[in-house]
N, C-alpha and C. Protein backbone atom coordinates (compact mmCIF):
# COMPACT_ATOMS: atom_id res chain seq x y z
N MET A 1 -16.54 -17.49 37.70
CA MET A 1 -17.23 -18.31 36.71
C MET A 1 -16.28 -18.55 35.53
N LYS A 2 -16.13 -19.82 35.14
CA LYS A 2 -15.18 -20.17 34.09
C LYS A 2 -15.89 -20.82 32.91
N TYR A 3 -15.43 -20.47 31.71
CA TYR A 3 -16.01 -20.99 30.47
C TYR A 3 -14.89 -21.52 29.57
N LEU A 4 -15.20 -22.59 28.83
CA LEU A 4 -14.26 -23.10 27.84
C LEU A 4 -14.78 -22.74 26.46
N ILE A 5 -14.00 -21.95 25.75
CA ILE A 5 -14.37 -21.48 24.41
C ILE A 5 -13.42 -22.16 23.41
N VAL A 6 -13.97 -23.02 22.59
CA VAL A 6 -13.16 -23.85 21.69
C VAL A 6 -13.33 -23.38 20.26
N GLY A 7 -12.25 -22.95 19.65
CA GLY A 7 -12.27 -22.64 18.22
C GLY A 7 -11.76 -23.86 17.47
N LEU A 8 -12.57 -24.38 16.55
CA LEU A 8 -12.14 -25.56 15.80
C LEU A 8 -11.37 -25.17 14.55
N GLY A 9 -10.40 -26.00 14.21
CA GLY A 9 -9.58 -25.77 13.02
C GLY A 9 -8.49 -26.81 12.94
N ASN A 10 -7.59 -26.61 12.01
CA ASN A 10 -6.42 -27.48 11.84
C ASN A 10 -5.16 -26.66 12.04
N VAL A 11 -4.20 -27.20 12.80
CA VAL A 11 -2.94 -26.49 13.01
C VAL A 11 -2.04 -26.65 11.78
N GLY A 12 -1.16 -25.69 11.60
CA GLY A 12 -0.22 -25.74 10.48
C GLY A 12 -0.44 -24.59 9.51
N SER A 13 0.65 -24.07 8.98
CA SER A 13 0.57 -22.88 8.11
C SER A 13 -0.25 -23.15 6.86
N GLU A 14 -0.27 -24.42 6.40
CA GLU A 14 -1.02 -24.72 5.17
C GLU A 14 -2.53 -24.59 5.36
N TYR A 15 -2.99 -24.58 6.63
CA TYR A 15 -4.43 -24.47 6.91
C TYR A 15 -4.84 -23.07 7.33
N GLU A 16 -3.86 -22.19 7.54
CA GLU A 16 -4.17 -20.84 8.01
C GLU A 16 -5.08 -20.12 7.03
N GLY A 17 -6.13 -19.51 7.55
CA GLY A 17 -7.03 -18.72 6.70
C GLY A 17 -8.00 -19.52 5.86
N THR A 18 -8.01 -20.86 6.02
CA THR A 18 -8.95 -21.67 5.23
C THR A 18 -10.33 -21.65 5.88
N ARG A 19 -11.32 -22.05 5.11
CA ARG A 19 -12.71 -22.04 5.59
C ARG A 19 -12.89 -22.89 6.84
N HIS A 20 -12.20 -24.03 6.86
CA HIS A 20 -12.33 -24.97 7.99
C HIS A 20 -11.77 -24.38 9.29
N ASN A 21 -11.01 -23.29 9.19
CA ASN A 21 -10.36 -22.71 10.37
C ASN A 21 -11.07 -21.48 10.92
N CYS A 22 -12.35 -21.32 10.59
CA CYS A 22 -13.10 -20.17 11.10
C CYS A 22 -13.12 -20.12 12.63
N GLY A 23 -13.18 -21.28 13.26
CA GLY A 23 -13.17 -21.32 14.73
C GLY A 23 -11.89 -20.72 15.28
N PHE A 24 -10.75 -21.09 14.67
CA PHE A 24 -9.46 -20.51 15.07
C PHE A 24 -9.48 -19.00 14.89
N MET A 25 -10.06 -18.53 13.76
CA MET A 25 -10.07 -17.09 13.47
C MET A 25 -10.78 -16.31 14.57
N VAL A 26 -11.89 -16.85 15.08
CA VAL A 26 -12.67 -16.14 16.10
C VAL A 26 -11.89 -16.06 17.41
N VAL A 27 -11.34 -17.18 17.88
CA VAL A 27 -10.62 -17.13 19.16
C VAL A 27 -9.31 -16.35 19.02
N ASP A 28 -8.68 -16.40 17.83
CA ASP A 28 -7.48 -15.58 17.60
C ASP A 28 -7.82 -14.10 17.74
N ALA A 29 -8.94 -13.69 17.14
CA ALA A 29 -9.35 -12.28 17.21
C ALA A 29 -9.68 -11.89 18.65
N MET A 30 -10.34 -12.79 19.39
CA MET A 30 -10.67 -12.50 20.79
C MET A 30 -9.41 -12.33 21.63
N ALA A 31 -8.45 -13.23 21.44
CA ALA A 31 -7.20 -13.14 22.20
C ALA A 31 -6.44 -11.86 21.86
N LYS A 32 -6.39 -11.54 20.57
CA LYS A 32 -5.69 -10.34 20.12
C LYS A 32 -6.33 -9.09 20.71
N ASN A 33 -7.67 -9.01 20.66
CA ASN A 33 -8.39 -7.84 21.18
C ASN A 33 -8.19 -7.67 22.68
N ALA A 34 -7.97 -8.79 23.38
CA ALA A 34 -7.80 -8.74 24.83
C ALA A 34 -6.32 -8.64 25.24
N GLY A 35 -5.42 -8.68 24.25
CA GLY A 35 -3.99 -8.63 24.54
C GLY A 35 -3.49 -9.91 25.20
N ALA A 36 -4.18 -11.03 24.96
CA ALA A 36 -3.78 -12.31 25.55
C ALA A 36 -2.87 -13.06 24.58
N SER A 37 -1.95 -13.85 25.12
CA SER A 37 -1.05 -14.61 24.26
C SER A 37 -1.33 -16.11 24.39
N TRP A 38 -0.98 -16.84 23.34
CA TRP A 38 -1.22 -18.27 23.28
C TRP A 38 -0.01 -19.04 23.80
N THR A 39 -0.27 -20.12 24.53
CA THR A 39 0.80 -21.03 24.93
C THR A 39 0.42 -22.42 24.43
N LEU A 40 1.43 -23.16 23.99
CA LEU A 40 1.19 -24.53 23.52
C LEU A 40 1.16 -25.44 24.74
N GLU A 41 0.01 -26.06 24.97
CA GLU A 41 -0.15 -26.96 26.11
C GLU A 41 -0.67 -28.30 25.61
N ARG A 42 -1.12 -29.15 26.50
CA ARG A 42 -1.52 -30.49 26.09
C ARG A 42 -2.75 -30.44 25.18
N HIS A 43 -2.64 -30.99 24.02
CA HIS A 43 -3.71 -31.12 23.02
C HIS A 43 -4.22 -29.79 22.46
N ALA A 44 -3.65 -28.66 22.86
CA ALA A 44 -4.22 -27.39 22.39
C ALA A 44 -3.29 -26.21 22.65
N TYR A 45 -3.49 -25.16 21.85
CA TYR A 45 -2.99 -23.84 22.23
C TYR A 45 -4.02 -23.25 23.16
N ARG A 46 -3.55 -22.57 24.21
CA ARG A 46 -4.45 -22.04 25.23
C ARG A 46 -4.17 -20.56 25.48
N ALA A 47 -5.23 -19.78 25.62
CA ALA A 47 -5.12 -18.38 26.03
C ALA A 47 -6.26 -18.12 27.02
N GLU A 48 -6.06 -17.14 27.87
CA GLU A 48 -7.10 -16.85 28.86
C GLU A 48 -7.43 -15.37 28.83
N VAL A 49 -8.72 -15.07 28.76
CA VAL A 49 -9.16 -13.67 28.80
C VAL A 49 -10.24 -13.52 29.87
N ARG A 50 -10.36 -12.31 30.37
CA ARG A 50 -11.38 -12.02 31.38
C ARG A 50 -12.41 -11.09 30.75
N HIS A 51 -13.68 -11.30 31.13
CA HIS A 51 -14.74 -10.41 30.66
C HIS A 51 -15.81 -10.33 31.73
N LYS A 52 -15.98 -9.14 32.29
CA LYS A 52 -17.02 -8.87 33.30
C LYS A 52 -17.03 -9.93 34.41
N GLY A 53 -15.86 -10.21 34.94
CA GLY A 53 -15.75 -11.12 36.07
C GLY A 53 -15.73 -12.59 35.69
N ARG A 54 -15.85 -12.87 34.40
CA ARG A 54 -15.79 -14.27 33.95
C ARG A 54 -14.41 -14.57 33.38
N THR A 55 -13.99 -15.81 33.54
CA THR A 55 -12.74 -16.28 32.94
C THR A 55 -13.09 -17.11 31.71
N LEU A 56 -12.55 -16.70 30.57
CA LEU A 56 -12.77 -17.43 29.33
C LEU A 56 -11.47 -18.12 28.95
N VAL A 57 -11.47 -19.44 29.03
CA VAL A 57 -10.32 -20.22 28.59
C VAL A 57 -10.53 -20.52 27.11
N LEU A 58 -9.70 -19.92 26.27
CA LEU A 58 -9.79 -20.13 24.83
C LEU A 58 -8.83 -21.25 24.44
N ILE A 59 -9.30 -22.19 23.64
CA ILE A 59 -8.37 -23.21 23.13
C ILE A 59 -8.52 -23.39 21.63
N LYS A 60 -7.39 -23.73 21.02
CA LYS A 60 -7.33 -24.15 19.62
C LYS A 60 -6.72 -25.56 19.64
N PRO A 61 -7.54 -26.59 19.46
CA PRO A 61 -7.01 -27.96 19.53
C PRO A 61 -5.88 -28.19 18.52
N THR A 62 -4.85 -28.92 18.97
CA THR A 62 -3.73 -29.29 18.09
C THR A 62 -3.90 -30.73 17.59
N THR A 63 -5.06 -31.31 17.86
CA THR A 63 -5.33 -32.71 17.52
C THR A 63 -5.83 -32.87 16.08
N TYR A 64 -5.94 -31.77 15.35
CA TYR A 64 -6.58 -31.73 14.04
C TYR A 64 -8.09 -31.92 14.19
N MET A 65 -8.81 -31.41 13.22
CA MET A 65 -10.27 -31.32 13.29
C MET A 65 -10.94 -32.63 13.69
N ASN A 66 -10.53 -33.73 13.06
CA ASN A 66 -11.26 -34.99 13.23
C ASN A 66 -11.08 -35.62 14.61
N LEU A 67 -10.15 -35.09 15.41
CA LEU A 67 -9.95 -35.60 16.78
C LEU A 67 -10.15 -34.49 17.81
N SER A 68 -11.00 -33.53 17.48
CA SER A 68 -11.23 -32.38 18.38
C SER A 68 -11.75 -32.79 19.74
N GLY A 69 -12.50 -33.89 19.80
CA GLY A 69 -13.10 -34.32 21.06
C GLY A 69 -12.07 -34.62 22.13
N LYS A 70 -10.91 -35.11 21.73
CA LYS A 70 -9.84 -35.43 22.68
C LYS A 70 -9.42 -34.18 23.45
N ALA A 71 -9.22 -33.07 22.71
CA ALA A 71 -8.82 -31.81 23.34
C ALA A 71 -9.93 -31.23 24.20
N VAL A 72 -11.16 -31.26 23.68
CA VAL A 72 -12.29 -30.69 24.43
C VAL A 72 -12.51 -31.44 25.74
N ASN A 73 -12.49 -32.75 25.65
CA ASN A 73 -12.68 -33.59 26.84
C ASN A 73 -11.61 -33.30 27.89
N TYR A 74 -10.36 -33.24 27.43
CA TYR A 74 -9.24 -32.99 28.35
C TYR A 74 -9.38 -31.63 29.03
N TRP A 75 -9.65 -30.59 28.26
CA TRP A 75 -9.68 -29.24 28.82
C TRP A 75 -10.92 -28.97 29.68
N LEU A 76 -12.04 -29.61 29.37
CA LEU A 76 -13.20 -29.50 30.27
C LEU A 76 -12.83 -30.03 31.66
N ALA A 77 -12.16 -31.18 31.68
CA ALA A 77 -11.77 -31.79 32.96
C ALA A 77 -10.66 -30.97 33.63
N GLN A 78 -9.68 -30.56 32.85
CA GLN A 78 -8.53 -29.82 33.39
C GLN A 78 -8.96 -28.51 34.03
N GLU A 79 -9.88 -27.81 33.40
CA GLU A 79 -10.32 -26.50 33.90
C GLU A 79 -11.56 -26.61 34.79
N LYS A 80 -12.08 -27.84 34.94
CA LYS A 80 -13.29 -28.07 35.76
C LYS A 80 -14.46 -27.20 35.30
N VAL A 81 -14.68 -27.21 33.99
CA VAL A 81 -15.76 -26.42 33.38
C VAL A 81 -16.95 -27.33 33.14
N PRO A 82 -18.15 -26.96 33.62
CA PRO A 82 -19.34 -27.78 33.35
C PRO A 82 -19.74 -27.68 31.87
N LEU A 83 -20.43 -28.71 31.39
CA LEU A 83 -20.80 -28.79 29.98
C LEU A 83 -21.60 -27.57 29.53
N GLU A 84 -22.43 -27.03 30.42
CA GLU A 84 -23.25 -25.87 30.02
C GLU A 84 -22.41 -24.60 29.81
N ASN A 85 -21.14 -24.63 30.24
CA ASN A 85 -20.24 -23.48 30.04
C ASN A 85 -19.26 -23.71 28.91
N LEU A 86 -19.56 -24.70 28.06
CA LEU A 86 -18.74 -24.98 26.88
C LEU A 86 -19.38 -24.32 25.66
N LEU A 87 -18.56 -23.66 24.86
CA LEU A 87 -19.03 -23.11 23.58
C LEU A 87 -18.00 -23.48 22.51
N VAL A 88 -18.47 -24.17 21.47
CA VAL A 88 -17.60 -24.60 20.37
C VAL A 88 -17.90 -23.74 19.15
N ILE A 89 -16.85 -23.16 18.57
CA ILE A 89 -17.01 -22.29 17.40
C ILE A 89 -16.54 -23.08 16.17
N VAL A 90 -17.43 -23.17 15.17
CA VAL A 90 -17.20 -24.10 14.07
C VAL A 90 -17.66 -23.51 12.74
N ASP A 91 -16.97 -23.91 11.66
CA ASP A 91 -17.40 -23.51 10.32
C ASP A 91 -18.65 -24.29 9.92
N ASP A 92 -19.49 -23.71 9.05
CA ASP A 92 -20.73 -24.38 8.67
C ASP A 92 -21.03 -24.15 7.19
N LEU A 93 -21.08 -25.26 6.44
CA LEU A 93 -21.40 -25.21 5.01
C LEU A 93 -22.84 -24.80 4.73
N ALA A 94 -23.73 -25.04 5.70
CA ALA A 94 -25.16 -24.78 5.48
C ALA A 94 -25.52 -23.31 5.59
N LEU A 95 -24.57 -22.49 6.04
CA LEU A 95 -24.83 -21.05 6.18
C LEU A 95 -24.00 -20.27 5.16
N PRO A 96 -24.57 -19.21 4.60
CA PRO A 96 -23.78 -18.38 3.68
C PRO A 96 -22.65 -17.66 4.42
N VAL A 97 -21.62 -17.29 3.67
CA VAL A 97 -20.54 -16.48 4.24
C VAL A 97 -21.13 -15.18 4.78
N GLY A 98 -20.72 -14.79 5.97
CA GLY A 98 -21.22 -13.56 6.56
C GLY A 98 -22.41 -13.75 7.48
N VAL A 99 -22.75 -15.02 7.78
CA VAL A 99 -23.85 -15.31 8.69
C VAL A 99 -23.32 -16.14 9.85
N ILE A 100 -23.72 -15.81 11.08
CA ILE A 100 -23.37 -16.61 12.25
C ILE A 100 -24.65 -17.05 12.94
N ARG A 101 -24.61 -18.22 13.56
CA ARG A 101 -25.78 -18.73 14.29
C ARG A 101 -25.31 -19.47 15.54
N MET A 102 -25.92 -19.14 16.66
CA MET A 102 -25.65 -19.86 17.90
C MET A 102 -26.77 -20.86 18.13
N LYS A 103 -26.40 -22.06 18.58
CA LYS A 103 -27.37 -23.10 18.91
C LYS A 103 -26.98 -23.71 20.26
N LYS A 104 -27.99 -24.05 21.05
CA LYS A 104 -27.70 -24.61 22.38
C LYS A 104 -27.33 -26.09 22.32
N GLN A 105 -27.73 -26.77 21.27
CA GLN A 105 -27.44 -28.19 21.11
C GLN A 105 -27.80 -28.58 19.70
N GLY A 106 -27.63 -29.84 19.35
CA GLY A 106 -28.04 -30.28 18.02
C GLY A 106 -27.13 -31.35 17.48
N SER A 107 -27.44 -31.80 16.28
CA SER A 107 -26.64 -32.86 15.66
C SER A 107 -25.35 -32.26 15.13
N HIS A 108 -24.40 -33.13 14.83
CA HIS A 108 -23.12 -32.67 14.27
C HIS A 108 -23.26 -32.29 12.80
N GLY A 109 -24.36 -32.69 12.16
CA GLY A 109 -24.63 -32.29 10.77
C GLY A 109 -23.55 -32.73 9.80
N GLY A 110 -22.87 -33.82 10.10
CA GLY A 110 -21.83 -34.30 9.20
C GLY A 110 -20.48 -33.64 9.38
N HIS A 111 -20.37 -32.73 10.35
CA HIS A 111 -19.09 -32.05 10.60
C HIS A 111 -18.22 -32.96 11.47
N ASN A 112 -17.05 -33.34 10.95
CA ASN A 112 -16.21 -34.32 11.65
C ASN A 112 -15.73 -33.84 13.02
N GLY A 113 -15.45 -32.55 13.14
CA GLY A 113 -15.02 -32.02 14.43
C GLY A 113 -16.11 -32.15 15.48
N LEU A 114 -17.34 -31.74 15.11
CA LEU A 114 -18.47 -31.84 16.05
C LEU A 114 -18.81 -33.29 16.35
N ALA A 115 -18.69 -34.16 15.34
CA ALA A 115 -18.99 -35.59 15.55
C ALA A 115 -18.03 -36.18 16.57
N ASP A 116 -16.75 -35.80 16.49
CA ASP A 116 -15.77 -36.34 17.43
C ASP A 116 -15.99 -35.80 18.84
N ILE A 117 -16.39 -34.53 18.94
CA ILE A 117 -16.68 -33.95 20.26
C ILE A 117 -17.88 -34.66 20.87
N GLU A 118 -18.93 -34.87 20.07
CA GLU A 118 -20.13 -35.55 20.55
C GLU A 118 -19.78 -36.96 21.05
N ALA A 119 -18.94 -37.67 20.30
CA ALA A 119 -18.54 -39.03 20.70
C ALA A 119 -17.72 -39.00 21.99
N ALA A 120 -16.83 -38.03 22.12
CA ALA A 120 -15.96 -37.94 23.30
C ALA A 120 -16.74 -37.55 24.55
N LEU A 121 -17.72 -36.67 24.37
CA LEU A 121 -18.49 -36.18 25.53
C LEU A 121 -19.73 -37.04 25.81
N HIS A 122 -20.06 -37.95 24.89
CA HIS A 122 -21.30 -38.74 24.97
C HIS A 122 -22.51 -37.83 25.10
N SER A 123 -22.43 -36.69 24.40
CA SER A 123 -23.53 -35.72 24.49
C SER A 123 -23.45 -34.74 23.32
N ALA A 124 -24.62 -34.31 22.86
CA ALA A 124 -24.69 -33.21 21.88
C ALA A 124 -25.26 -31.97 22.55
N ASN A 125 -25.39 -32.02 23.88
CA ASN A 125 -26.00 -30.92 24.63
C ASN A 125 -24.96 -29.90 25.07
N TYR A 126 -24.33 -29.29 24.09
CA TYR A 126 -23.41 -28.20 24.38
C TYR A 126 -23.64 -27.12 23.33
N CYS A 127 -23.31 -25.91 23.68
CA CYS A 127 -23.58 -24.77 22.81
C CYS A 127 -22.52 -24.68 21.70
N ARG A 128 -22.97 -24.31 20.51
CA ARG A 128 -22.02 -24.10 19.42
C ARG A 128 -22.37 -22.82 18.68
N LEU A 129 -21.33 -22.18 18.17
CA LEU A 129 -21.49 -20.97 17.38
C LEU A 129 -20.99 -21.28 15.98
N ARG A 130 -21.92 -21.26 15.02
CA ARG A 130 -21.60 -21.68 13.66
C ARG A 130 -21.30 -20.46 12.79
N ILE A 131 -20.20 -20.55 12.06
CA ILE A 131 -19.76 -19.47 11.18
C ILE A 131 -19.98 -19.92 9.73
N GLY A 132 -20.79 -19.19 8.99
CA GLY A 132 -21.10 -19.59 7.61
C GLY A 132 -19.90 -19.49 6.69
N ILE A 133 -19.69 -20.57 5.90
CA ILE A 133 -18.59 -20.56 4.93
C ILE A 133 -19.11 -20.77 3.51
N GLY A 134 -20.45 -20.86 3.35
CA GLY A 134 -21.03 -21.06 2.03
C GLY A 134 -20.85 -22.50 1.56
N SER A 135 -21.39 -22.79 0.37
CA SER A 135 -21.31 -24.15 -0.16
C SER A 135 -21.17 -24.14 -1.67
N ASP A 136 -20.30 -23.27 -2.16
CA ASP A 136 -20.12 -23.08 -3.59
C ASP A 136 -19.08 -24.07 -4.15
N PHE A 137 -19.46 -25.36 -4.13
CA PHE A 137 -18.53 -26.37 -4.65
C PHE A 137 -19.33 -27.42 -5.40
N SER A 138 -18.66 -28.08 -6.33
CA SER A 138 -19.33 -29.11 -7.11
C SER A 138 -19.26 -30.45 -6.38
N ARG A 139 -20.11 -31.35 -6.74
CA ARG A 139 -20.22 -32.66 -6.11
C ARG A 139 -18.85 -33.34 -6.01
N GLY A 140 -18.54 -33.85 -4.83
CA GLY A 140 -17.29 -34.56 -4.63
C GLY A 140 -16.10 -33.67 -4.29
N HIS A 141 -16.34 -32.35 -4.19
CA HIS A 141 -15.22 -31.43 -3.93
C HIS A 141 -15.35 -30.70 -2.59
N GLN A 142 -16.11 -31.28 -1.67
CA GLN A 142 -16.31 -30.63 -0.37
C GLN A 142 -15.01 -30.45 0.39
N ILE A 143 -14.16 -31.48 0.40
CA ILE A 143 -12.91 -31.39 1.17
C ILE A 143 -12.03 -30.28 0.61
N ASP A 144 -11.90 -30.23 -0.73
CA ASP A 144 -11.11 -29.16 -1.34
C ASP A 144 -11.68 -27.79 -0.97
N TYR A 145 -13.00 -27.70 -0.94
CA TYR A 145 -13.67 -26.42 -0.65
C TYR A 145 -13.39 -25.96 0.77
N VAL A 146 -13.59 -26.86 1.76
CA VAL A 146 -13.42 -26.41 3.16
C VAL A 146 -11.96 -26.09 3.47
N LEU A 147 -11.04 -26.65 2.68
CA LEU A 147 -9.61 -26.38 2.90
C LEU A 147 -9.10 -25.26 1.98
N SER A 148 -10.05 -24.57 1.30
CA SER A 148 -9.67 -23.44 0.45
C SER A 148 -9.78 -22.14 1.23
N SER A 149 -9.17 -21.09 0.69
CA SER A 149 -9.22 -19.78 1.34
C SER A 149 -10.42 -18.97 0.83
N PHE A 150 -10.76 -17.94 1.58
CA PHE A 150 -11.85 -17.05 1.19
C PHE A 150 -11.36 -16.07 0.13
N SER A 151 -12.26 -15.68 -0.76
CA SER A 151 -11.94 -14.64 -1.75
C SER A 151 -11.98 -13.27 -1.06
N ALA A 152 -11.48 -12.26 -1.75
CA ALA A 152 -11.51 -10.89 -1.21
C ALA A 152 -12.95 -10.46 -0.95
N GLU A 153 -13.85 -10.81 -1.87
CA GLU A 153 -15.27 -10.44 -1.71
C GLU A 153 -15.86 -11.13 -0.47
N GLU A 154 -15.49 -12.39 -0.27
CA GLU A 154 -15.99 -13.12 0.90
C GLU A 154 -15.43 -12.55 2.19
N HIS A 155 -14.15 -12.13 2.16
CA HIS A 155 -13.55 -11.55 3.36
C HIS A 155 -14.30 -10.28 3.79
N ALA A 156 -14.80 -9.54 2.81
CA ALA A 156 -15.56 -8.32 3.13
C ALA A 156 -16.81 -8.66 3.95
N LEU A 157 -17.38 -9.85 3.71
CA LEU A 157 -18.55 -10.32 4.48
C LEU A 157 -18.12 -10.99 5.77
N LEU A 158 -17.03 -11.78 5.69
CA LEU A 158 -16.61 -12.60 6.82
C LEU A 158 -15.98 -11.80 7.96
N ASP A 159 -15.08 -10.90 7.63
CA ASP A 159 -14.27 -10.25 8.66
C ASP A 159 -15.11 -9.54 9.75
N PRO A 160 -16.17 -8.79 9.37
CA PRO A 160 -16.99 -8.19 10.42
C PRO A 160 -17.68 -9.25 11.29
N GLN A 161 -17.99 -10.40 10.68
CA GLN A 161 -18.67 -11.47 11.44
C GLN A 161 -17.73 -12.18 12.40
N ILE A 162 -16.43 -12.21 12.09
CA ILE A 162 -15.45 -12.78 13.02
C ILE A 162 -15.46 -11.94 14.30
N GLU A 163 -15.46 -10.62 14.15
CA GLU A 163 -15.52 -9.73 15.32
C GLU A 163 -16.86 -9.88 16.04
N ARG A 164 -17.93 -9.96 15.25
CA ARG A 164 -19.28 -10.09 15.82
C ARG A 164 -19.41 -11.41 16.59
N ALA A 165 -18.78 -12.46 16.07
CA ALA A 165 -18.80 -13.75 16.75
C ALA A 165 -18.15 -13.64 18.13
N GLY A 166 -17.06 -12.86 18.21
CA GLY A 166 -16.42 -12.63 19.51
C GLY A 166 -17.36 -11.94 20.48
N GLU A 167 -18.14 -11.00 19.97
CA GLU A 167 -19.14 -10.32 20.81
C GLU A 167 -20.24 -11.30 21.25
N ALA A 168 -20.61 -12.22 20.36
CA ALA A 168 -21.62 -13.23 20.69
C ALA A 168 -21.12 -14.15 21.80
N VAL A 169 -19.83 -14.48 21.77
CA VAL A 169 -19.23 -15.30 22.84
C VAL A 169 -19.33 -14.56 24.17
N LYS A 170 -19.00 -13.28 24.15
CA LYS A 170 -19.08 -12.49 25.39
C LYS A 170 -20.51 -12.42 25.91
N ALA A 171 -21.47 -12.33 24.99
CA ALA A 171 -22.88 -12.33 25.41
C ALA A 171 -23.24 -13.68 26.02
N PHE A 172 -22.76 -14.76 25.44
CA PHE A 172 -23.02 -16.11 25.95
C PHE A 172 -22.56 -16.23 27.40
N VAL A 173 -21.38 -15.69 27.71
CA VAL A 173 -20.86 -15.86 29.08
C VAL A 173 -21.47 -14.88 30.07
N THR A 174 -22.06 -13.78 29.59
CA THR A 174 -22.62 -12.80 30.51
C THR A 174 -24.14 -12.89 30.67
N VAL A 175 -24.86 -13.04 29.55
CA VAL A 175 -26.34 -13.04 29.64
C VAL A 175 -26.95 -14.39 29.30
N GLY A 176 -26.11 -15.35 28.89
CA GLY A 176 -26.61 -16.69 28.61
C GLY A 176 -26.93 -16.92 27.15
N ALA A 177 -27.07 -18.20 26.80
CA ALA A 177 -27.25 -18.59 25.40
C ALA A 177 -28.53 -18.03 24.79
N ASP A 178 -29.64 -18.07 25.54
CA ASP A 178 -30.92 -17.65 24.96
C ASP A 178 -30.89 -16.19 24.51
N ARG A 179 -30.40 -15.31 25.40
CA ARG A 179 -30.35 -13.89 25.04
C ARG A 179 -29.31 -13.63 23.96
N ALA A 180 -28.19 -14.37 24.01
CA ALA A 180 -27.16 -14.21 22.99
C ALA A 180 -27.71 -14.63 21.63
N MET A 181 -28.50 -15.71 21.59
CA MET A 181 -29.09 -16.18 20.34
C MET A 181 -30.07 -15.15 19.79
N THR A 182 -30.89 -14.57 20.65
CA THR A 182 -31.86 -13.55 20.22
C THR A 182 -31.15 -12.37 19.57
N GLU A 183 -30.03 -11.98 20.16
CA GLU A 183 -29.31 -10.81 19.67
C GLU A 183 -28.47 -11.11 18.42
N TYR A 184 -27.77 -12.23 18.43
CA TYR A 184 -26.75 -12.45 17.39
C TYR A 184 -27.17 -13.38 16.26
N ASN A 185 -28.32 -14.05 16.39
CA ASN A 185 -28.77 -14.90 15.29
C ASN A 185 -29.51 -14.11 14.22
N LYS A 186 -29.65 -12.81 14.43
CA LYS A 186 -30.23 -11.94 13.40
C LYS A 186 -29.15 -11.68 12.35
N THR A 187 -29.51 -11.79 11.09
CA THR A 187 -28.55 -11.46 10.04
C THR A 187 -28.46 -9.94 9.95
N PRO A 188 -27.26 -9.40 10.12
CA PRO A 188 -27.14 -7.92 10.12
C PRO A 188 -27.48 -7.34 8.76
N LYS A 189 -28.10 -6.17 8.79
CA LYS A 189 -28.43 -5.50 7.54
C LYS A 189 -27.18 -4.79 7.02
N PRO A 190 -26.99 -4.77 5.69
CA PRO A 190 -25.81 -4.08 5.14
C PRO A 190 -25.83 -2.61 5.52
N ASP A 191 -24.65 -2.06 5.75
CA ASP A 191 -24.51 -0.64 6.09
C ASP A 191 -24.67 0.18 4.81
N PRO A 192 -25.73 1.01 4.72
CA PRO A 192 -25.95 1.78 3.49
C PRO A 192 -24.82 2.75 3.20
N ALA A 193 -24.09 3.15 4.24
CA ALA A 193 -22.98 4.12 4.06
C ALA A 193 -21.74 3.44 3.50
N ALA A 194 -21.71 2.11 3.59
CA ALA A 194 -20.49 1.39 3.16
C ALA A 194 -20.39 1.32 1.64
């Protein structure tokens, strides 16, 4: 069983660690934890990990966020992955930092990466895992905000969720979206010992 796991972001050192690159952060962590390495291939960096008999093809599109659909379309066909086995990991302004949410389908909500994927696939019926980046910006400064880095305080909330998002991906490929959503769409309670 094969799955395509797409982390959305922008390539280039100037975008590393920015809010818009949360998708890259999740697949980077998954590859690192599995000891997998990235290779530069057509339209994307690609890594492959195995989990409980499933093959997870991880990609980081090199097409930049606004043309993500080109990479997703190509790799779905290249790997012969059905749409129901696609999971796109994306940053989300509507969620606070430290919150993740899986959805089986839905609108792009104004996110350029998701809009391009929807246009390329002629469908919004694919699973996405949204990583909260907050919305602490003034009117007209959204672009500056999504291309900014997280503060130290935000990293304390975000970093555990990057790892948790990787676990949510593994649940998606083993027990399916519904059970993964039930488990991982709960906002974790703060650790009183921390």
